[in-house]
Amino acid sequence: MRARQLRCVAAALAAVLLCAGPLSGCSSEANTTPDNRITVWSLENLPPRMAATEEVVARFEERTGVEVDLVGVAENQLPQMVMSAAAAGDLPDVIGAVTLGQVWQMYANDLLNTEVAGDVVRALGADTFTAGALELTGDGDRRLAVPSDAWLQLVVYRADRFREAGLPAPDTYRNLLRAAGELDGGGRTGISLPTDPADVATQQSFEYLALADGCELVRADGDVALDSPACRRAFALYDTLAREHGAPGTQTVDTTRAAYFSGSSSVLVWSSFVLDELAGLRDDALPSCPECAGDRGFLAENSGIVTAVEGPDGTGPARFGEITSWAVTRTAETEASRAFVEYMMSEGYRDWFGMAPEGKIPVRTGTPGDPGEFLRAWRSGSLGVDRREPMDRVYPPELLDRLADGVTGMRRWGIPQGQGTLVGAMSGELPVPKAVGAMTGGRLSPGEAARDADEEVSALRDSLR
């Protein structure tokens, strides 16, 4: 749930895929003439993060003699670029910061070297990774990619306004509805939620709140379950919050953050990437509330953070987030790619997640000799872009504990039920955000939105069989 900028790459994107279904027949076999040179695409393509990555890569090159061509790629362009490169037989060797949906999409198209990913995890020690990260990036015993780090979805709220109104933290459906209603008025909206049908942030925010109520994408038998009572309740909640207590018009990842930062909204659903901006450490996304004029850290000091939400049909508080991974492609130069990923997950790991610790919570917590090494380094990592502050000075240890714990217990639609391929396909089609956008735009009732989403996802699942 973060804006990305395209850097260092210009590619002609195919309008129509040259191959339907798995692309094993469209790409060449693994590189049989190694030249000790690899191409690495990185979705961490913001200029400061590219610069930090280049420094780590330079150390790897000096140590190993492997040459690395590092290319920054925009996350929303990755699916098309991968398919175009596969059709042309020109895949990169390694891709960094790949989301779960994209990993599963590449796996469905037979574009991953799962053997190298498995070798890397075994070499580093599977028990040094969180079990949930390994589960979400694996198909049974097959390792699809090497999980690296994660962000967590949050409910951020104006704790000062909540105290003044005598409101409890917005950690349940009931408390969310109450707060959004009571704080809506006087020139302010109660809550900021994305509703853009073309924005993956809408999918992420809805899935977070849906999981809280026990709404799953599919049942154990694989049938789509978006028209279930729990999911209908989730659609109704989202509609009430966004349409009745949110700003009018289509809301995006950027407009929702801007509303909270300006003080015109009292609750925000966003990823943990917001934490450095919330603290006034990034000039292109500074808090602009009246109180912030003389104190850029005002919002960080006066915001509460909820990591887990519970609905009336849920079985307990639910956490949602995204795990990003290192993916090795099926045409990669295997030995050089294996060495590179191992380096980025060991000697280069602190610098990798240290680029943005608020949104790169390590899922490899330490080494066999020091199981907590990386988590300790993460807690004291520096937040910010234009200014840097140690994270454990800006935010209390209790919040850092909840962020770390949340990554180990996050839930996701579909993958635990063996429907990772469907999840990957949904990341391109966005059927749920389309239903949410139509609902909050007044064109569908919550029940109709649930039914439409169920039908669209069912049709997508059937097309994958």
Protein backbone atom coordinates (compact mmCIF):
# COMPACT_ATOMS: atom_id res chain seq x y z
CA MET A 1 0.00 0.00 0.00
CA ARG A 2 2.61 2.47 -1.03
CA ALA A 3 3.15 4.76 -4.00
CA ARG A 4 6.10 3.78 -6.15
CA GLN A 5 8.00 5.63 -8.84
CA LEU A 6 9.47 4.03 -11.93
CA ARG A 7 13.25 4.39 -12.07
CA CYS A 8 16.03 3.12 -14.30
CA VAL A 9 13.85 1.12 -16.64
CA ALA A 10 12.00 1.62 -19.88
CA ALA A 11 10.35 -1.41 -21.40
CA ALA A 12 7.89 -2.00 -24.19
CA LEU A 13 4.96 -3.76 -22.56
CA ALA A 14 3.05 -6.34 -24.57
CA ALA A 15 -0.63 -5.48 -24.90
CA VAL A 16 -1.56 -9.09 -25.43
CA LEU A 17 0.32 -12.02 -23.92
CA LEU A 18 1.94 -14.21 -26.50
CA CYS A 19 1.06 -17.34 -24.61
CA ALA A 20 -2.06 -18.19 -22.63
CA GLY A 21 -1.65 -20.07 -19.38
CA PRO A 22 1.76 -21.33 -18.18
CA LEU A 23 4.61 -19.87 -20.17
CA SER A 24 7.05 -22.76 -19.95
CA GLY A 25 6.96 -23.07 -23.73
CA CYS A 26 7.61 -19.34 -24.19
CA SER A 27 10.84 -19.02 -22.24
CA SER A 28 14.26 -20.53 -22.62
CA GLU A 29 15.68 -23.11 -20.25
CA ALA A 30 18.00 -22.20 -17.40
CA ASN A 31 21.26 -20.55 -18.35
CA THR A 32 23.70 -23.33 -19.29
CA THR A 33 26.63 -20.98 -20.04
CA PRO A 34 27.17 -18.97 -16.85
CA ASP A 35 28.95 -15.64 -17.31
CA ASN A 36 29.00 -14.63 -13.63
CA ARG A 37 26.66 -11.74 -14.37
CA ILE A 38 23.05 -11.45 -13.26
CA THR A 39 20.20 -9.02 -13.75
CA VAL A 40 18.24 -8.12 -10.64
CA TRP A 41 14.93 -6.27 -10.73
CA SER A 42 13.96 -4.53 -7.50
CA LEU A 43 10.52 -3.25 -6.61
CA GLU A 44 12.17 -1.09 -3.94
CA ASN A 45 12.62 1.48 -6.68
CA LEU A 46 12.32 4.80 -4.83
CA PRO A 47 15.59 6.71 -5.34
CA PRO A 48 16.81 6.51 -1.70
CA ARG A 49 16.09 2.77 -1.59
CA MET A 50 17.78 2.17 -4.93
CA ALA A 51 20.84 4.03 -3.67
CA ALA A 52 20.92 1.95 -0.49
CA THR A 53 20.53 -1.26 -2.50
CA GLU A 54 23.33 -0.24 -4.85
CA GLU A 55 25.67 0.04 -1.88
CA VAL A 56 24.84 -3.49 -0.73
CA VAL A 57 25.16 -4.82 -4.27
CA ALA A 58 28.60 -3.19 -4.63
CA ARG A 59 29.82 -5.05 -1.55
CA PHE A 60 28.44 -8.32 -2.92
CA GLU A 61 30.18 -7.75 -6.26
CA GLU A 62 33.49 -6.99 -4.57
CA ARG A 63 33.28 -10.09 -2.41
CA THR A 64 32.14 -12.57 -5.04
CA GLY A 65 33.22 -11.22 -8.40
CA VAL A 66 29.63 -11.57 -9.67
CA GLU A 67 28.46 -8.57 -11.69
CA VAL A 68 24.93 -7.36 -10.93
CA ASP A 69 22.79 -5.22 -13.23
CA LEU A 70 20.31 -3.63 -10.81
CA VAL A 71 17.06 -2.31 -12.31
CA GLY A 72 14.29 -0.50 -10.46
CA VAL A 73 10.80 -1.59 -11.45
CA ALA A 74 7.40 -0.16 -10.50
CA GLU A 75 5.26 -2.68 -8.62
CA ASN A 76 2.15 -2.08 -10.71
CA GLN A 77 4.09 -2.73 -13.93
CA LEU A 78 5.78 -5.93 -12.80
CA PRO A 79 3.14 -8.44 -14.02
CA GLN A 80 3.17 -7.08 -17.57
CA MET A 81 6.94 -6.75 -17.62
CA VAL A 82 7.44 -10.30 -16.40
CA MET A 83 5.09 -11.75 -18.99
CA SER A 84 6.65 -9.68 -21.79
CA ALA A 85 10.17 -10.69 -20.72
CA ALA A 86 9.12 -14.35 -20.48
CA ALA A 87 7.64 -14.26 -23.97
CA ALA A 88 10.86 -12.71 -25.28
CA GLY A 89 13.08 -15.18 -23.38
CA ASP A 90 14.65 -12.31 -21.45
CA LEU A 91 13.64 -12.73 -17.82
CA PRO A 92 15.85 -11.23 -15.12
CA ASP A 93 17.69 -13.67 -12.90
CA VAL A 94 16.29 -12.40 -9.60
CA ILE A 95 13.43 -10.12 -8.57
CA GLY A 96 13.37 -8.48 -5.15
CA ALA A 97 10.43 -7.33 -3.01
CA VAL A 98 7.92 -9.48 -4.91
CA THR A 99 4.48 -9.58 -3.29
CA LEU A 100 2.64 -12.80 -2.49
CA GLY A 101 0.17 -12.41 -5.33
CA GLN A 102 2.96 -11.84 -7.81
CA VAL A 103 4.95 -14.81 -6.52
CA TRP A 104 1.96 -17.09 -6.98
CA GLN A 105 1.20 -15.60 -10.39
CA MET A 106 4.74 -16.35 -11.57
CA TYR A 107 4.55 -19.83 -10.10
CA ALA A 108 1.30 -20.53 -11.94
CA ASN A 109 3.05 -19.58 -15.19
CA ASP A 110 6.06 -21.83 -14.45
CA LEU A 111 8.44 -18.87 -14.26
CA LEU A 112 10.16 -19.63 -10.94
CA ASN A 113 13.21 -21.71 -10.06
CA THR A 114 11.83 -23.26 -6.92
CA GLU A 115 14.89 -25.46 -6.38
CA VAL A 116 17.19 -22.48 -5.84
CA ALA A 117 14.68 -20.87 -3.45
CA GLY A 118 14.53 -24.11 -1.46
CA ASP A 119 18.32 -24.39 -1.40
CA VAL A 120 18.67 -20.85 -0.04
CA VAL A 121 16.19 -21.38 2.79
CA ARG A 122 17.84 -24.68 3.76
CA ALA A 123 21.30 -23.08 3.70
CA LEU A 124 20.18 -20.18 5.90
CA GLY A 125 18.12 -22.41 8.20
CA ALA A 126 14.37 -22.78 7.81
CA ASP A 127 13.93 -22.35 11.56
CA THR A 128 15.36 -18.83 11.33
CA PHE A 129 12.28 -17.74 9.34
CA THR A 130 8.80 -17.21 10.76
CA ALA A 131 6.60 -20.23 10.08
CA GLY A 132 3.82 -18.10 8.59
CA ALA A 133 6.12 -16.53 6.01
CA LEU A 134 7.31 -19.95 4.87
CA GLU A 135 3.74 -21.24 4.69
CA LEU A 136 2.50 -18.35 2.55
CA THR A 137 5.44 -18.61 0.14
CA GLY A 138 5.35 -22.37 -0.27
CA ASP A 139 3.23 -24.92 -2.09
CA GLY A 140 3.38 -27.83 0.28
CA ASP A 141 7.05 -28.83 0.43
CA ARG A 142 7.94 -26.72 -2.61
CA ARG A 143 9.57 -23.37 -1.82
CA LEU A 144 8.36 -20.78 -4.33
CA ALA A 145 10.51 -17.85 -3.21
CA VAL A 146 12.64 -16.73 -0.28
CA PRO A 147 10.50 -14.60 2.07
CA SER A 148 12.33 -11.49 3.19
CA ASP A 149 10.22 -8.93 5.02
CA ALA A 150 6.68 -7.75 5.58
CA TRP A 151 4.45 -4.80 6.28
CA LEU A 152 1.37 -4.87 8.45
CA GLN A 153 -2.00 -3.21 7.84
CA LEU A 154 -2.96 -0.74 10.57
CA VAL A 155 -5.85 1.31 11.86
CA VAL A 156 -4.34 4.68 12.79
CA TYR A 157 -6.52 7.02 14.86
CA ARG A 158 -6.39 10.38 16.60
CA ALA A 159 -5.95 9.24 20.17
CA ASP A 160 -6.41 12.80 21.46
CA ARG A 161 -9.83 13.10 19.84
CA PHE A 162 -10.81 9.63 21.04
CA ARG A 163 -9.92 10.54 24.62
CA GLU A 164 -11.87 13.78 24.39
CA ALA A 165 -14.94 11.93 23.06
CA GLY A 166 -14.56 9.03 25.51
CA LEU A 167 -14.24 6.51 22.69
CA PRO A 168 -12.53 3.10 22.92
CA ALA A 169 -9.80 2.13 20.47
CA PRO A 170 -11.25 1.20 17.03
CA ASP A 171 -10.29 -2.47 17.28
CA THR A 172 -13.71 -4.04 16.62
CA TYR A 173 -16.47 -3.53 14.07
CA ARG A 174 -18.62 -1.96 16.77
CA ASN A 175 -15.90 0.44 17.90
CA LEU A 176 -15.03 1.40 14.33
CA LEU A 177 -18.65 2.21 13.53
CA ARG A 178 -19.15 4.13 16.74
CA ALA A 179 -16.00 6.23 16.31
CA ALA A 180 -16.62 6.95 12.63
CA GLY A 181 -20.15 8.09 13.44
CA GLU A 182 -19.37 10.22 16.48
CA LEU A 183 -16.32 11.91 14.92
CA ASP A 184 -18.06 12.65 11.62
CA GLY A 185 -19.10 16.30 11.56
CA GLY A 186 -17.88 19.82 12.14
CA GLY A 187 -15.97 19.83 8.87
CA ARG A 188 -14.33 16.48 9.54
CA THR A 189 -14.99 12.97 8.30
CA GLY A 190 -15.00 10.00 10.61
CA ILE A 191 -12.66 7.72 8.69
CA SER A 192 -10.53 7.43 5.54
CA LEU A 193 -10.77 4.23 3.50
CA PRO A 194 -9.70 3.62 -0.11
CA THR A 195 -12.53 2.93 -2.56
CA ASP A 196 -10.72 3.19 -5.92
CA PRO A 197 -11.66 0.10 -7.98
CA ALA A 198 -8.26 0.17 -9.73
CA ASP A 199 -6.19 0.54 -6.55
CA VAL A 200 -4.76 -2.54 -4.83
CA ALA A 201 -5.01 -0.55 -1.58
CA THR A 202 -8.78 -1.06 -1.76
CA GLN A 203 -8.24 -4.83 -1.90
CA GLN A 204 -5.84 -4.71 1.04
CA SER A 205 -8.05 -2.58 3.28
CA PHE A 206 -11.16 -4.60 2.52
CA GLU A 207 -9.44 -7.96 3.01
CA TYR A 208 -8.11 -6.76 6.37
CA LEU A 209 -11.55 -5.86 7.67
CA ALA A 210 -13.17 -8.89 6.04
CA LEU A 211 -10.77 -11.33 7.71
CA ALA A 212 -11.64 -9.66 11.02
CA ASP A 213 -15.18 -10.97 10.64
CA GLY A 214 -14.17 -14.45 9.51
CA CYS A 215 -14.91 -13.68 5.85
CA GLU A 216 -12.73 -15.95 3.72
CA LEU A 217 -12.16 -15.89 -0.02
CA VAL A 218 -12.80 -19.61 -0.38
CA ARG A 219 -14.13 -22.46 1.71
CA ALA A 220 -12.09 -25.53 2.55
CA ASP A 221 -13.49 -27.27 -0.54
CA GLY A 222 -12.26 -24.46 -2.80
CA ASP A 223 -15.66 -22.89 -3.50
CA VAL A 224 -15.66 -19.09 -3.44
CA ALA A 225 -17.24 -17.76 -0.25
CA LEU A 226 -17.61 -14.02 -0.82
CA ASP A 227 -21.41 -14.20 -0.67
CA SER A 228 -21.36 -15.73 2.82
CA PRO A 229 -23.09 -13.98 5.75
CA ALA A 230 -19.71 -12.98 7.21
CA CYS A 231 -18.60 -11.44 3.91
CA ARG A 232 -21.91 -9.65 3.43
CA ARG A 233 -21.42 -8.11 6.86
CA ALA A 234 -17.92 -7.02 5.85
CA PHE A 235 -19.23 -5.36 2.68
CA ALA A 236 -21.93 -3.60 4.73
CA LEU A 237 -19.37 -2.35 7.25
CA TYR A 238 -17.10 -1.01 4.52
CA ASP A 239 -20.00 0.71 2.80
CA THR A 240 -21.17 2.41 5.97
CA LEU A 241 -17.69 3.54 6.94
CA ALA A 242 -16.59 4.77 3.50
CA ARG A 243 -19.84 6.14 2.07
CA GLU A 244 -21.55 7.51 5.16
CA HIS A 245 -18.55 8.59 7.26
CA GLY A 246 -15.77 9.07 4.71
CA ALA A 247 -14.99 11.79 2.19
CA PRO A 248 -17.21 11.92 -0.91
CA GLY A 249 -15.92 10.63 -4.22
CA THR A 250 -13.39 7.94 -5.04
CA GLN A 251 -10.68 7.67 -2.41
CA THR A 252 -7.16 6.39 -3.10
CA VAL A 253 -4.14 5.42 -1.08
CA ASP A 254 -2.87 9.00 -1.40
CA THR A 255 -6.11 10.89 -0.67
CA THR A 256 -6.85 8.85 2.45
CA ARG A 257 -3.40 9.56 3.90
CA ALA A 258 -3.70 13.24 3.00
CA ALA A 259 -7.06 13.48 4.78
CA TYR A 260 -5.66 12.05 8.00
CA PHE A 261 -2.48 14.09 7.80
CA SER A 262 -4.47 17.31 7.32
CA GLY A 263 -6.57 16.57 10.39
CA SER A 264 -9.79 16.38 8.37
CA SER A 265 -10.18 12.67 9.17
CA SER A 266 -9.88 11.00 12.56
CA VAL A 267 -9.23 7.38 11.49
CA LEU A 268 -7.05 5.97 8.71
CA VAL A 269 -6.58 2.43 7.40
CA TRP A 270 -3.08 2.20 5.89
CA SER A 271 0.03 0.05 5.92
CA SER A 272 2.87 0.36 8.41
CA PHE A 273 4.77 2.28 5.72
CA VAL A 274 2.89 5.32 7.03
CA LEU A 275 4.86 5.39 10.28
CA ASP A 276 7.84 7.40 9.07
CA GLU A 277 5.60 9.89 7.30
CA LEU A 278 3.40 10.12 10.38
CA ALA A 279 6.48 11.23 12.32
CA GLY A 280 7.24 14.03 9.84
CA LEU A 281 10.39 12.42 8.46
CA ARG A 282 9.54 12.59 4.75
CA ASP A 283 9.15 15.98 3.09
CA ASP A 284 6.90 14.89 0.21
CA ALA A 285 4.31 13.52 2.66
CA LEU A 286 4.45 15.80 5.68
CA PRO A 287 1.57 16.00 8.18
CA SER A 288 -0.29 19.25 7.57
CA CYS A 289 -2.75 19.41 10.46
CA PRO A 290 -3.03 22.78 12.25
CA GLU A 291 -1.13 21.43 15.25
CA CYS A 292 1.60 20.05 12.98
CA ALA A 293 2.74 23.49 11.82
CA GLY A 294 4.87 23.98 14.92
CA ASP A 295 5.49 20.31 15.68
CA ARG A 296 6.02 17.92 12.78
CA GLY A 297 5.94 14.98 15.22
CA PHE A 298 2.49 15.90 16.57
CA LEU A 299 0.61 13.15 14.74
CA ALA A 300 3.04 10.42 15.77
CA GLU A 301 2.66 11.51 19.40
CA ASN A 302 -1.13 11.81 19.25
CA SER A 303 -2.05 8.80 17.13
CA GLY A 304 -3.04 5.40 18.39
CA ILE A 305 -2.22 2.28 16.38
CA VAL A 306 -4.39 -0.83 16.07
CA THR A 307 -2.81 -3.89 14.44
CA ALA A 308 -5.64 -6.41 14.88
CA VAL A 309 -9.40 -5.97 14.38
CA GLU A 310 -12.26 -8.31 15.33
CA GLY A 311 -15.75 -8.56 13.83
CA PRO A 312 -18.90 -10.09 15.37
CA ASP A 313 -18.58 -13.26 13.28
CA GLY A 314 -14.81 -13.57 13.73
CA THR A 315 -13.05 -16.11 15.91
CA GLY A 316 -10.55 -13.58 17.24
CA PRO A 317 -8.63 -10.44 16.28
CA ALA A 318 -7.26 -10.69 12.73
CA ARG A 319 -4.03 -9.24 11.35
CA PHE A 320 -3.35 -8.65 7.67
CA GLY A 321 -0.22 -7.69 5.82
CA GLU A 322 2.03 -8.35 2.87
CA ILE A 323 5.14 -10.50 2.67
CA THR A 324 7.70 -9.63 0.03
CA SER A 325 10.24 -12.12 -1.25
CA TRP A 326 13.27 -12.74 -3.40
CA ALA A 327 12.16 -14.68 -6.48
CA VAL A 328 14.64 -16.55 -8.68
CA THR A 329 13.39 -17.07 -12.21
CA ARG A 330 13.50 -20.35 -14.10
CA THR A 331 16.06 -19.00 -16.61
CA ALA A 332 18.40 -17.62 -13.92
CA GLU A 333 22.12 -18.26 -13.72
CA THR A 334 21.62 -20.48 -10.71
CA GLU A 335 24.88 -20.36 -8.76
CA ALA A 336 25.30 -16.58 -9.00
CA SER A 337 21.60 -16.03 -8.19
CA ARG A 338 21.78 -18.38 -5.22
CA ALA A 339 24.83 -16.57 -3.88
CA PHE A 340 23.16 -13.19 -4.34
CA VAL A 341 19.94 -14.07 -2.52
CA GLU A 342 21.85 -15.75 0.32
CA TYR A 343 23.95 -12.59 0.69
CA MET A 344 20.91 -10.32 0.72
CA MET A 345 19.35 -12.49 3.43
CA SER A 346 22.49 -12.63 5.59
CA GLU A 347 25.34 -10.09 5.36
CA GLY A 348 23.25 -7.62 3.37
CA TYR A 349 20.01 -8.23 5.23
CA ARG A 350 20.28 -5.44 7.84
CA ASP A 351 20.82 -2.84 5.12
CA TRP A 352 17.96 -4.27 3.02
CA PHE A 353 15.27 -4.08 5.69
CA GLY A 354 16.96 -1.04 7.26
CA MET A 355 16.06 1.05 4.20
CA ALA A 356 12.50 1.35 5.50
CA PRO A 357 12.08 -0.63 8.74
CA GLU A 358 8.52 0.61 9.25
CA GLY A 359 7.44 -1.41 6.20
CA LYS A 360 10.16 -4.02 6.00
CA ILE A 361 9.73 -6.03 9.17
CA PRO A 362 12.14 -8.98 8.91
CA VAL A 363 10.62 -12.44 8.59
CA ARG A 364 14.05 -13.97 9.09
CA THR A 365 14.41 -13.13 12.75
CA GLY A 366 18.05 -14.12 13.23
CA THR A 367 20.73 -16.67 12.52
CA PRO A 368 21.23 -20.19 13.93
CA GLY A 369 23.84 -18.76 16.30
CA ASP A 370 21.79 -15.72 17.31
CA PRO A 371 18.03 -16.30 16.74
CA GLY A 372 17.01 -12.72 17.58
CA GLU A 373 19.78 -10.84 15.78
CA PHE A 374 17.75 -9.34 12.96
CA LEU A 375 14.73 -8.40 15.05
CA ARG A 376 16.98 -6.49 17.46
CA ALA A 377 18.57 -4.66 14.55
CA TRP A 378 15.15 -3.87 13.11
CA ARG A 379 13.85 -2.32 16.34
CA SER A 380 16.70 0.20 16.41
CA GLY A 381 16.62 0.87 12.66
CA SER A 382 16.31 4.44 11.41
CA LEU A 383 13.00 5.73 10.05
CA GLY A 384 12.64 8.42 7.45
CA VAL A 385 13.82 9.77 4.13
CA ASP A 386 14.74 13.45 4.49
CA ARG A 387 15.39 13.03 8.23
CA ARG A 388 16.29 9.83 10.03
CA GLU A 389 15.32 8.89 13.57
CA PRO A 390 15.77 5.57 15.39
CA MET A 391 12.45 3.77 15.29
CA ASP A 392 12.60 2.80 18.97
CA ARG A 393 12.92 6.49 19.90
CA VAL A 394 9.95 7.58 17.83
CA TYR A 395 7.56 4.78 18.80
CA PRO A 396 7.09 2.90 22.09
CA PRO A 397 8.36 -0.67 22.52
CA GLU A 398 4.79 -1.93 22.90
CA LEU A 399 3.99 -0.90 19.33
CA LEU A 400 7.17 -2.49 17.97
CA ASP A 401 6.26 -5.68 19.82
CA ARG A 402 2.82 -5.70 18.20
CA LEU A 403 4.28 -5.08 14.75
CA ALA A 404 6.73 -7.96 15.11
CA ASP A 405 4.07 -10.24 16.57
CA GLY A 406 1.61 -9.22 13.87
CA VAL A 407 3.93 -10.37 11.10
CA THR A 408 4.13 -13.83 12.65
CA GLY A 409 0.35 -14.12 12.87
CA MET A 410 -0.92 -12.33 9.76
CA ARG A 411 -3.68 -13.94 7.72
CA ARG A 412 -4.31 -13.89 4.00
CA TRP A 413 -7.15 -14.95 1.74
CA GLY A 414 -6.92 -18.14 -0.27
CA ILE A 415 -3.31 -19.25 0.19
CA PRO A 416 -3.87 -21.40 3.32
CA GLN A 417 -6.73 -23.12 1.44
CA GLY A 418 -4.44 -23.99 -1.48
CA GLN A 419 -5.75 -21.22 -3.74
CA GLY A 420 -2.57 -19.20 -4.16
CA THR A 421 -2.90 -19.30 -7.95
CA LEU A 422 -6.33 -17.68 -7.67
CA VAL A 423 -4.92 -15.02 -5.36
CA GLY A 424 -2.24 -14.29 -7.93
CA ALA A 425 -4.79 -13.94 -10.71
CA MET A 426 -6.91 -11.60 -8.56
CA SER A 427 -3.97 -9.24 -8.13
CA GLY A 428 -4.28 -8.35 -11.79
CA GLU A 429 -8.06 -8.42 -12.20
CA LEU A 430 -9.03 -6.76 -8.87
CA PRO A 431 -12.61 -8.09 -8.79
CA VAL A 432 -13.16 -7.19 -5.14
CA PRO A 433 -12.05 -3.54 -5.45
CA LYS A 434 -14.35 -3.23 -8.46
CA ALA A 435 -17.29 -4.44 -6.36
CA VAL A 436 -16.30 -2.15 -3.48
CA GLY A 437 -16.01 0.85 -5.83
CA ALA A 438 -19.45 0.19 -7.31
CA MET A 439 -20.92 -0.22 -3.82
CA THR A 440 -19.43 2.90 -2.27
CA GLY A 441 -20.32 4.80 -5.44
CA GLY A 442 -23.97 3.96 -4.76
CA ARG A 443 -24.44 1.62 -7.74
CA LEU A 444 -24.68 -1.60 -5.72
CA SER A 445 -26.02 -2.51 -2.31
CA PRO A 446 -23.61 -4.37 0.02
CA GLY A 447 -25.44 -7.62 -0.70
CA GLU A 448 -25.22 -7.05 -4.44
CA ALA A 449 -21.52 -6.20 -4.14
CA ALA A 450 -20.88 -9.44 -2.26
CA ARG A 451 -22.75 -11.41 -4.90
CA ASP A 452 -20.99 -9.70 -7.80
CA ALA A 453 -17.56 -10.23 -6.24
CA ASP A 454 -18.41 -13.89 -5.61
CA GLU A 455 -19.47 -14.39 -9.22
CA GLU A 456 -16.43 -12.61 -10.67
CA VAL A 457 -13.96 -14.52 -8.51
CA SER A 458 -15.76 -17.81 -9.25
CA ALA A 459 -15.45 -17.14 -12.97
CA LEU A 460 -11.77 -16.33 -12.56
CA ARG A 461 -11.21 -19.54 -10.59
CA ASP A 462 -12.97 -21.58 -13.28
CA SER A 463 -10.78 -20.02 -15.99
CA LEU A 464 -7.68 -21.27 -14.17
CA ARG A 465 -8.76 -24.91 -14.23
